[in-house]
Amino acid sequence: MLTSSITTMKSYNPALRGYHAVYRENAVNHCPGCGRTHWLIGRMLAECGFCGTALPLSESYSRGAAAPLFRHGTGGLKSAA
């Protein structure tokens, strides 16, 4: 019978999962597939404009799905709450 390694561990340590590539809004993001920096940004993912590699947005991990997100110019992200 197969068991998940997470369920067999006593406490979950996120550092053990290794490299986790995410798109960060206020940083230069190089594509892990081709090394370029042109991105198409969606609500949950950023897709490389050249090779199509998709990365999750780092902001999508830090906030819940219930709170709307607004962008105002170059000021960054603001939550409605």
C-alpha atoms as a PDB file:
ATOM      1  CA  MET A   1       0.000   0.000   0.000  1.00  0.00           C
ATOM      2  CA  LEU A   2       1.305   3.461  -0.891  1.00  0.00           C
ATOM      3  CA  THR A   3       1.388   6.185   1.734  1.00  0.00           C
ATOM      4  CA  SER A   4       2.198   9.837   1.380  1.00  0.00           C
ATOM      5  CA  SER A   5       5.531  10.931   2.816  1.00  0.00           C
ATOM      6  CA  ILE A   6       3.841  14.012   4.308  1.00  0.00           C
ATOM      7  CA  THR A   7       1.363  11.963   6.322  1.00  0.00           C
ATOM      8  CA  THR A   8       4.111   9.742   7.716  1.00  0.00           C
ATOM      9  CA  MET A   9       6.171  12.707   8.948  1.00  0.00           C
ATOM     10  CA  LYS A  10       5.425  14.033  12.433  1.00  0.00           C
ATOM     11  CA  SER A  11       5.666  17.692  11.420  1.00  0.00           C
ATOM     12  CA  TYR A  12       5.702  19.233   7.958  1.00  0.00           C
ATOM     13  CA  ASN A  13       8.885  21.116   7.059  1.00  0.00           C
ATOM     14  CA  PRO A  14       8.492  23.216   3.859  1.00  0.00           C
ATOM     15  CA  ALA A  15      12.278  23.541   3.526  1.00  0.00           C
ATOM     16  CA  LEU A  16      12.463  19.847   2.644  1.00  0.00           C
ATOM     17  CA  ARG A  17      10.430  20.243  -0.575  1.00  0.00           C
ATOM     18  CA  GLY A  18      13.374  21.858  -2.389  1.00  0.00           C
ATOM     19  CA  TYR A  19      13.366  24.515  -5.091  1.00  0.00           C
ATOM     20  CA  HIS A  20       9.959  26.092  -5.689  1.00  0.00           C
ATOM     21  CA  ALA A  21       9.866  28.640  -8.528  1.00  0.00           C
ATOM     22  CA  VAL A  22       7.260  31.415  -8.252  1.00  0.00           C
ATOM     23  CA  TYR A  23       6.710  34.716 -10.045  1.00  0.00           C
ATOM     24  CA  ARG A  24       7.389  37.683  -7.750  1.00  0.00           C
ATOM     25  CA  GLU A  25       5.767  40.950  -8.789  1.00  0.00           C
ATOM     26  CA  ASN A  26       8.402  43.416  -7.557  1.00  0.00           C
ATOM     27  CA  ALA A  27      11.462  41.536  -8.830  1.00  0.00           C
ATOM     28  CA  VAL A  28      13.133  40.668 -12.122  1.00  0.00           C
ATOM     29  CA  ASN A  29      11.870  37.179 -12.923  1.00  0.00           C
ATOM     30  CA  HIS A  30      13.955  35.041 -15.264  1.00  0.00           C
ATOM     31  CA  CYS A  31      12.166  32.106 -16.856  1.00  0.00           C
ATOM     32  CA  PRO A  32      13.489  28.767 -15.571  1.00  0.00           C
ATOM     33  CA  GLY A  33      12.933  27.307 -19.058  1.00  0.00           C
ATOM     34  CA  CYS A  34      14.610  29.844 -21.352  1.00  0.00           C
ATOM     35  CA  GLY A  35      16.097  32.554 -19.089  1.00  0.00           C
ATOM     36  CA  ARG A  36      14.165  35.474 -20.620  1.00  0.00           C
ATOM     37  CA  THR A  37      12.140  38.049 -18.682  1.00  0.00           C
ATOM     38  CA  HIS A  38       8.940  38.672 -20.728  1.00  0.00           C
ATOM     39  CA  TRP A  39       5.850  37.474 -18.836  1.00  0.00           C
ATOM     40  CA  LEU A  40       2.095  37.356 -19.429  1.00  0.00           C
ATOM     41  CA  ILE A  41       0.435  37.846 -16.037  1.00  0.00           C
ATOM     42  CA  GLY A  42      -2.895  36.256 -15.134  1.00  0.00           C
ATOM     43  CA  ARG A  43      -4.859  35.962 -11.896  1.00  0.00           C
ATOM     44  CA  MET A  44      -3.062  32.864 -10.604  1.00  0.00           C
ATOM     45  CA  LEU A  45      -0.179  32.217 -13.051  1.00  0.00           C
ATOM     46  CA  ALA A  46       2.490  34.058 -14.989  1.00  0.00           C
ATOM     47  CA  GLU A  47       3.399  32.553 -18.370  1.00  0.00           C
ATOM     48  CA  CYS A  48       6.681  33.125 -20.194  1.00  0.00           C
ATOM     49  CA  GLY A  49       6.052  35.053 -23.404  1.00  0.00           C
ATOM     50  CA  PHE A  50       8.683  33.065 -25.305  1.00  0.00           C
ATOM     51  CA  CYS A  51       8.596  29.407 -24.228  1.00  0.00           C
ATOM     52  CA  GLY A  52       5.252  29.170 -22.375  1.00  0.00           C
ATOM     53  CA  THR A  53       6.601  28.046 -18.996  1.00  0.00           C
ATOM     54  CA  ALA A  54       3.982  28.840 -16.339  1.00  0.00           C
ATOM     55  CA  LEU A  55       4.795  29.872 -12.769  1.00  0.00           C
ATOM     56  CA  PRO A  56       2.354  30.476  -9.917  1.00  0.00           C
ATOM     57  CA  LEU A  57       2.175  34.031  -8.560  1.00  0.00           C
ATOM     58  CA  SER A  58       3.739  34.406  -5.117  1.00  0.00           C
ATOM     59  CA  GLU A  59       0.779  36.616  -4.077  1.00  0.00           C
ATOM     60  CA  SER A  60      -1.669  33.778  -4.773  1.00  0.00           C
ATOM     61  CA  TYR A  61      -0.153  31.784  -1.887  1.00  0.00           C
ATOM     62  CA  SER A  62      -0.292  34.572   0.677  1.00  0.00           C
ATOM     63  CA  ARG A  63      -3.965  35.523   0.433  1.00  0.00           C
ATOM     64  CA  GLY A  64      -7.226  33.645   0.465  1.00  0.00           C
ATOM     65  CA  ALA A  65      -9.570  33.230  -2.473  1.00  0.00           C
ATOM     66  CA  ALA A  66     -12.336  35.310  -0.840  1.00  0.00           C
ATOM     67  CA  ALA A  67     -10.599  38.713  -0.721  1.00  0.00           C
ATOM     68  CA  PRO A  68     -10.535  40.589  -4.057  1.00  0.00           C
ATOM     69  CA  LEU A  69      -7.271  42.088  -5.244  1.00  0.00           C
ATOM     70  CA  PHE A  70      -6.907  45.499  -6.891  1.00  0.00           C
ATOM     71  CA  ARG A  71      -3.998  46.975  -8.844  1.00  0.00           C
ATOM     72  CA  HIS A  72      -3.592  50.746  -8.850  1.00  0.00           C
ATOM     73  CA  GLY A  73      -0.969  51.904 -11.367  1.00  0.00           C
ATOM     74  CA  THR A  74       2.554  50.984 -10.304  1.00  0.00           C
ATOM     75  CA  GLY A  75       1.757  51.149  -6.566  1.00  0.00           C
ATOM     76  CA  GLY A  76       1.499  47.391  -6.259  1.00  0.00           C
ATOM     77  CA  LEU A  77      -1.215  45.173  -4.894  1.00  0.00           C
ATOM     78  CA  LYS A  78      -3.907  46.269  -2.466  1.00  0.00           C
ATOM     79  CA  SER A  79      -6.473  44.086  -0.771  1.00  0.00           C
ATOM     80  CA  ALA A  80     -10.096  45.183  -0.550  1.00  0.00           C
ATOM     81  CA  ALA A  81     -10.360  44.345   3.154  1.00  0.00           C
END
